[in-house]
């Protein structure tokens, strides 16, 4: 049940380009190019995201992408 409440909030934060953990702008994070896309690390909490530069969308990185 808790996941049903949290998932839409996290999706909304990612659509706004914000970290799902602390709400910091992901455009301010540390960036590194990888074969999966641009890897962005949140400067506050350290969560890792993948930025698709073509669609300008963020998503959480999978373990194999880290």
PDB file of N, CA and C in Angstrom:
ATOM      1  N   UNK A   1       0.812  -1.195   0.000  1.00  0.00           N
ATOM      2  CA  UNK A   1       0.000   0.000   0.000  1.00  0.00           C
ATOM      3  C   UNK A   1       0.858   1.262   0.000  1.00  0.00           C
ATOM      4  N   UNK A   2       1.945   1.243   0.762  1.00  0.00           N
ATOM      5  CA  UNK A   2       2.805   2.414   0.840  1.00  0.00           C
ATOM      6  C   UNK A   2       3.425   2.749  -0.518  1.00  0.00           C
ATOM      7  N   UNK A   3       3.758   1.678  -1.273  1.00  0.00           N
ATOM      8  CA  UNK A   3       4.339   1.904  -2.598  1.00  0.00           C
ATOM      9  C   UNK A   3       3.351   2.597  -3.532  1.00  0.00           C
ATOM     10  N   UNK A   4       2.060   2.316  -3.370  1.00  0.00           N
ATOM     11  CA  UNK A   4       1.037   2.947  -4.200  1.00  0.00           C
ATOM     12  C   UNK A   4       0.934   4.440  -3.933  1.00  0.00           C
ATOM     13  N   UNK A   5       1.349   4.877  -2.756  1.00  0.00           N
ATOM     14  CA  UNK A   5       1.317   6.297  -2.407  1.00  0.00           C
ATOM     15  C   UNK A   5       2.593   6.993  -2.860  1.00  0.00           C
ATOM     16  N   UNK A   6       3.727   6.315  -2.694  1.00  0.00           N
ATOM     17  CA  UNK A   6       5.033   6.942  -2.964  1.00  0.00           C
ATOM     18  C   UNK A   6       5.365   7.011  -4.455  1.00  0.00           C
ATOM     19  N   UNK A   7       5.018   5.976  -5.226  1.00  0.00           N
ATOM     20  CA  UNK A   7       5.387   5.906  -6.649  1.00  0.00           C
ATOM     21  C   UNK A   7       4.913   7.109  -7.468  1.00  0.00           C
ATOM     22  N   UNK A   8       3.661   7.572  -7.340  1.00  0.00           N
ATOM     23  CA  UNK A   8       3.254   8.740  -8.128  1.00  0.00           C
ATOM     24  C   UNK A   8       3.996  10.018  -7.731  1.00  0.00           C
ATOM     25  N   UNK A   9       4.341  10.144  -6.468  1.00  0.00           N
ATOM     26  CA  UNK A   9       5.089  11.326  -6.017  1.00  0.00           C
ATOM     27  C   UNK A   9       6.492  11.309  -6.601  1.00  0.00           C
ATOM     28  N   UNK A  10       7.130  10.131  -6.592  1.00  0.00           N
ATOM     29  CA  UNK A  10       8.464  10.022  -7.178  1.00  0.00           C
ATOM     30  C   UNK A  10       8.433  10.277  -8.683  1.00  0.00           C
ATOM     31  N   UNK A  11       7.426   9.793  -9.365  1.00  0.00           N
ATOM     32  CA  UNK A  11       7.302  10.028 -10.806  1.00  0.00           C
ATOM     33  C   UNK A  11       7.127  11.517 -11.092  1.00  0.00           C
ATOM     34  N   UNK A  12       6.345  12.199 -10.263  1.00  0.00           N
ATOM     35  CA  UNK A  12       6.152  13.637 -10.435  1.00  0.00           C
ATOM     36  C   UNK A  12       7.466  14.392 -10.205  1.00  0.00           C
ATOM     37  N   UNK A  13       8.227  14.014  -9.177  1.00  0.00           N
ATOM     38  CA  UNK A  13       9.515  14.668  -8.915  1.00  0.00           C
ATOM     39  C   UNK A  13      10.473  14.469 -10.085  1.00  0.00           C
ATOM     40  N   UNK A  14      10.542  13.253 -10.626  1.00  0.00           N
ATOM     41  CA  UNK A  14      11.422  12.995 -11.769  1.00  0.00           C
ATOM     42  C   UNK A  14      10.986  13.780 -12.998  1.00  0.00           C
ATOM     43  N   UNK A  15       9.688  13.940 -13.202  1.00  0.00           N
ATOM     44  CA  UNK A  15       9.222  14.719 -14.353  1.00  0.00           C
ATOM     45  C   UNK A  15       9.589  16.193 -14.204  1.00  0.00           C
ATOM     46  N   UNK A  16       9.750  16.662 -12.979  1.00  0.00           N
ATOM     47  CA  UNK A  16      10.164  18.037 -12.707  1.00  0.00           C
ATOM     48  C   UNK A  16      11.687  18.188 -12.731  1.00  0.00           C
ATOM     49  N   UNK A  17      12.429  17.071 -12.883  1.00  0.00           N
ATOM     50  CA  UNK A  17      13.888  17.118 -12.884  1.00  0.00           C
ATOM     51  C   UNK A  17      14.466  17.270 -11.489  1.00  0.00           C
ATOM     52  N   UNK A  18      13.794  16.669 -10.493  1.00  0.00           N
ATOM     53  CA  UNK A  18      14.229  16.755  -9.101  1.00  0.00           C
ATOM     54  C   UNK A  18      14.530  15.361  -8.565  1.00  0.00           C
ATOM     55  N   UNK A  19      15.408  15.313  -7.563  1.00  0.00           N
ATOM     56  CA  UNK A  19      15.778  14.066  -6.910  1.00  0.00           C
ATOM     57  C   UNK A  19      14.580  13.536  -6.124  1.00  0.00           C
ATOM     58  N   UNK A  20      14.368  12.216  -6.153  1.00  0.00           N
ATOM     59  CA  UNK A  20      13.247  11.620  -5.436  1.00  0.00           C
ATOM     60  C   UNK A  20      13.505  11.524  -3.940  1.00  0.00           C
ATOM     61  N   UNK A  21      14.747  11.679  -3.515  1.00  0.00           N
ATOM     62  CA  UNK A  21      15.072  11.569  -2.104  1.00  0.00           C
ATOM     63  C   UNK A  21      15.037  12.878  -1.356  1.00  0.00           C
ATOM     64  N   UNK A  22      15.623  13.910  -1.955  1.00  0.00           N
ATOM     65  CA  UNK A  22      15.747  15.181  -1.240  1.00  0.00           C
ATOM     66  C   UNK A  22      15.112  16.357  -1.972  1.00  0.00           C
ATOM     67  N   UNK A  23      14.720  16.200  -3.229  1.00  0.00           N
ATOM     68  CA  UNK A  23      14.054  17.263  -3.967  1.00  0.00           C
ATOM     69  C   UNK A  23      14.978  18.272  -4.615  1.00  0.00           C
ATOM     70  N   UNK A  24      16.285  18.028  -4.580  1.00  0.00           N
ATOM     71  CA  UNK A  24      17.249  18.933  -5.188  1.00  0.00           C
ATOM     72  C   UNK A  24      17.173  18.856  -6.717  1.00  0.00           C
ATOM     73  N   UNK A  25      17.407  19.974  -7.376  1.00  0.00           N
ATOM     74  CA  UNK A  25      17.438  20.002  -8.844  1.00  0.00           C
ATOM     75  C   UNK A  25      18.554  19.085  -9.349  1.00  0.00           C
ATOM     76  N   UNK A  26      18.219  18.172 -10.267  1.00  0.00           N
ATOM     77  CA  UNK A  26      19.221  17.254 -10.801  1.00  0.00           C
ATOM     78  C   UNK A  26      20.170  17.946 -11.781  1.00  0.00           C
ATOM     79  N   UNK A  27      19.789  19.100 -12.287  1.00  0.00           N
ATOM     80  CA  UNK A  27      20.677  19.831 -13.191  1.00  0.00           C
ATOM     81  C   UNK A  27      21.913  20.334 -12.457  1.00  0.00           C
ATOM     82  N   UNK A  28      21.853  20.407 -11.129  1.00  0.00           N
ATOM     83  CA  UNK A  28      23.002  20.843 -10.330  1.00  0.00           C
ATOM     84  C   UNK A  28      23.918  19.690  -9.940  1.00  0.00           C
ATOM     85  N   UNK A  29      23.529  18.445 -10.222  1.00  0.00           N
ATOM     86  CA  UNK A  29      24.289  17.266  -9.804  1.00  0.00           C
ATOM     87  C   UNK A  29      25.551  17.047 -10.615  1.00  0.00           C
ATOM     88  N   UNK A  30      26.362  16.086 -10.144  1.00  0.00           N
ATOM     89  CA  UNK A  30      27.589  15.709 -10.848  1.00  0.00           C
ATOM     90  C   UNK A  30      27.215  14.868 -12.053  1.00  0.00           C
ATOM     91  N   UNK A  31      27.782  15.211 -13.212  1.00  0.00           N
ATOM     92  CA  UNK A  31      27.417  14.545 -14.459  1.00  0.00           C
ATOM     93  C   UNK A  31      28.599  13.765 -15.008  1.00  0.00           C
ATOM     94  N   UNK A  32      28.289  12.596 -15.603  1.00  0.00           N
ATOM     95  CA  UNK A  32      29.309  11.767 -16.228  1.00  0.00           C
ATOM     96  C   UNK A  32      28.661  11.027 -17.384  1.00  0.00           C
ATOM     97  N   UNK A  33      29.268  11.046 -18.555  1.00  0.00           N
ATOM     98  CA  UNK A  33      28.708  10.359 -19.721  1.00  0.00           C
ATOM     99  C   UNK A  33      29.015   8.868 -19.650  1.00  0.00           C
ATOM    100  N   UNK A  34      27.994   8.049 -19.898  1.00  0.00           N
ATOM    101  CA  UNK A  34      28.147   6.601 -19.951  1.00  0.00           C
ATOM    102  C   UNK A  34      27.462   6.100 -21.217  1.00  0.00           C
ATOM    103  N   UNK A  35      27.560   4.787 -21.458  1.00  0.00           N
ATOM    104  CA  UNK A  35      26.916   4.243 -22.659  1.00  0.00           C
ATOM    105  C   UNK A  35      25.394   4.195 -22.529  1.00  0.00           C
ATOM    106  N   UNK A  36      24.880   4.327 -21.296  1.00  0.00           N
ATOM    107  CA  UNK A  36      23.440   4.314 -21.069  1.00  0.00           C
ATOM    108  C   UNK A  36      22.827   5.709 -21.173  1.00  0.00           C
ATOM    109  N   UNK A  37      23.637   6.724 -21.175  1.00  0.00           N
ATOM    110  CA  UNK A  37      23.168   8.106 -21.187  1.00  0.00           C
ATOM    111  C   UNK A  37      24.020   8.902 -20.216  1.00  0.00           C
ATOM    112  N   UNK A  38      23.567  10.051 -19.858  1.00  0.00           N
ATOM    113  CA  UNK A  38      24.308  10.898 -18.925  1.00  0.00           C
ATOM    114  C   UNK A  38      23.966  10.488 -17.494  1.00  0.00           C
ATOM    115  N   UNK A  39      24.979  10.064 -16.746  1.00  0.00           N
ATOM    116  CA  UNK A  39      24.769   9.662 -15.360  1.00  0.00           C
ATOM    117  C   UNK A  39      24.864  10.895 -14.475  1.00  0.00           C
ATOM    118  N   UNK A  40      23.833  11.130 -13.674  1.00  0.00           N
ATOM    119  CA  UNK A  40      23.768  12.295 -12.798  1.00  0.00           C
ATOM    120  C   UNK A  40      23.692  11.798 -11.359  1.00  0.00           C
ATOM    121  N   UNK A  41      24.587  12.316 -10.503  1.00  0.00           N
ATOM    122  CA  UNK A  41      24.583  11.968  -9.088  1.00  0.00           C
ATOM    123  C   UNK A  41      24.116  13.181  -8.301  1.00  0.00           C
ATOM    124  N   UNK A  42      23.126  12.994  -7.439  1.00  0.00           N
ATOM    125  CA  UNK A  42      22.591  14.073  -6.618  1.00  0.00           C
ATOM    126  C   UNK A  42      23.684  14.575  -5.678  1.00  0.00           C
ATOM    127  N   UNK A  43      23.796  15.892  -5.550  1.00  0.00           N
ATOM    128  CA  UNK A  43      24.855  16.453  -4.722  1.00  0.00           C
ATOM    129  C   UNK A  43      24.545  16.358  -3.235  1.00  0.00           C
ATOM    130  N   UNK A  44      23.278  16.215  -2.869  1.00  0.00           N
ATOM    131  CA  UNK A  44      22.910  16.139  -1.450  1.00  0.00           C
ATOM    132  C   UNK A  44      22.890  14.708  -0.923  1.00  0.00           C
ATOM    133  N   UNK A  45      22.141  13.838  -1.587  1.00  0.00           N
ATOM    134  CA  UNK A  45      21.937  12.497  -1.032  1.00  0.00           C
ATOM    135  C   UNK A  45      22.708  11.400  -1.762  1.00  0.00           C
ATOM    136  N   UNK A  46      23.259  11.677  -2.942  1.00  0.00           N
ATOM    137  CA  UNK A  46      24.087  10.710  -3.648  1.00  0.00           C
ATOM    138  C   UNK A  46      23.342   9.693  -4.499  1.00  0.00           C
ATOM    139  N   UNK A  47      22.045   9.850  -4.672  1.00  0.00           N
ATOM    140  CA  UNK A  47      21.302   8.935  -5.538  1.00  0.00           C
ATOM    141  C   UNK A  47      21.751   9.132  -6.980  1.00  0.00           C
ATOM    142  N   UNK A  48      21.736   8.048  -7.742  1.00  0.00           N
ATOM    143  CA  UNK A  48      22.242   8.084  -9.115  1.00  0.00           C
ATOM    144  C   UNK A  48      21.072   7.951 -10.082  1.00  0.00           C
ATOM    145  N   UNK A  49      21.058   8.810 -11.092  1.00  0.00           N
ATOM    146  CA  UNK A  49      20.005   8.852 -12.098  1.00  0.00           C
ATOM    147  C   UNK A  49      20.637   8.795 -13.477  1.00  0.00           C
ATOM    148  N   UNK A  50      19.847   8.401 -14.468  1.00  0.00           N
ATOM    149  CA  UNK A  50      20.252   8.429 -15.872  1.00  0.00           C
ATOM    150  C   UNK A  50      19.399   9.487 -16.569  1.00  0.00           C
ATOM    151  N   UNK A  51      20.069  10.400 -17.276  1.00  0.00           N
ATOM    152  CA  UNK A  51      19.384  11.467 -17.998  1.00  0.00           C
ATOM    153  C   UNK A  51      19.418  11.148 -19.483  1.00  0.00           C
ATOM    154  N   UNK A  52      18.259  11.002 -20.079  1.00  0.00           N
ATOM    155  CA  UNK A  52      18.141  10.793 -21.515  1.00  0.00           C
ATOM    156  C   UNK A  52      18.113  12.176 -22.162  1.00  0.00           C
ATOM    157  N   UNK A  53      19.198  12.531 -22.823  1.00  0.00           N
ATOM    158  CA  UNK A  53      19.328  13.880 -23.372  1.00  0.00           C
ATOM    159  C   UNK A  53      18.393  14.117 -24.562  1.00  0.00           C
ATOM    160  N   UNK A  54      17.986  13.051 -25.241  1.00  0.00           N
ATOM    161  CA  UNK A  54      17.094  13.217 -26.393  1.00  0.00           C
ATOM    162  C   UNK A  54      15.695  13.633 -25.953  1.00  0.00           C
ATOM    163  N   UNK A  55      15.185  12.987 -24.909  1.00  0.00           N
ATOM    164  CA  UNK A  55      13.841  13.293 -24.426  1.00  0.00           C
ATOM    165  C   UNK A  55      13.857  14.221 -23.217  1.00  0.00           C
ATOM    166  N   UNK A  56      15.036  14.496 -22.686  1.00  0.00           N
ATOM    167  CA  UNK A  56      15.223  15.370 -21.524  1.00  0.00           C
ATOM    168  C   UNK A  56      14.462  14.848 -20.297  1.00  0.00           C
ATOM    169  N   UNK A  57      14.544  13.507 -20.071  1.00  0.00           N
ATOM    170  CA  UNK A  57      13.874  12.884 -18.931  1.00  0.00           C
ATOM    171  C   UNK A  57      14.901  12.161 -18.062  1.00  0.00           C
ATOM    172  N   UNK A  58      14.587  12.076 -16.780  1.00  0.00           N
ATOM    173  CA  UNK A  58      15.435  11.385 -15.819  1.00  0.00           C
ATOM    174  C   UNK A  58      14.759  10.105 -15.363  1.00  0.00           C
ATOM    175  N   UNK A  59      15.584   9.123 -14.956  1.00  0.00           N
ATOM    176  CA  UNK A  59      15.078   7.914 -14.327  1.00  0.00           C
ATOM    177  C   UNK A  59      16.150   7.405 -13.371  1.00  0.00           C
ATOM    178  N   UNK A  60      15.723   6.581 -12.412  1.00  0.00           N
ATOM    179  CA  UNK A  60      16.683   6.007 -11.478  1.00  0.00           C
ATOM    180  C   UNK A  60      17.590   5.032 -12.224  1.00  0.00           C
ATOM    181  N   UNK A  61      18.857   5.002 -11.869  1.00  0.00           N
ATOM    182  CA  UNK A  61      19.804   4.093 -12.510  1.00  0.00           C
ATOM    183  C   UNK A  61      19.630   2.685 -11.959  1.00  0.00           C
ATOM    184  N   UNK A  62      19.759   1.703 -12.828  1.00  0.00           N
ATOM    185  CA  UNK A  62      19.738   0.304 -12.424  1.00  0.00           C
ATOM    186  C   UNK A  62      21.099  -0.076 -11.870  1.00  0.00           C
ATOM    187  N   UNK A  63      21.183  -1.189 -11.133  1.00  0.00           N
ATOM    188  CA  UNK A  63      22.455  -1.618 -10.549  1.00  0.00           C
ATOM    189  C   UNK A  63      23.517  -1.874 -11.616  1.00  0.00           C
ATOM    190  N   UNK A  64      23.135  -2.410 -12.762  1.00  0.00           N
ATOM    191  CA  UNK A  64      24.099  -2.685 -13.821  1.00  0.00           C
ATOM    192  C   UNK A  64      24.612  -1.413 -14.500  1.00  0.00           C
ATOM    193  N   UNK A  65      23.937  -0.304 -14.319  1.00  0.00           N
ATOM    194  CA  UNK A  65      24.347   0.954 -14.944  1.00  0.00           C
ATOM    195  C   UNK A  65      25.261   1.794 -14.041  1.00  0.00           C
ATOM    196  N   UNK A  66      25.395   1.385 -12.799  1.00  0.00           N
ATOM    197  CA  UNK A  66      26.199   2.179 -11.838  1.00  0.00           C
ATOM    198  C   UNK A  66      27.645   1.870 -11.984  1.00  0.00           C
TER     199      UNK A  66
END
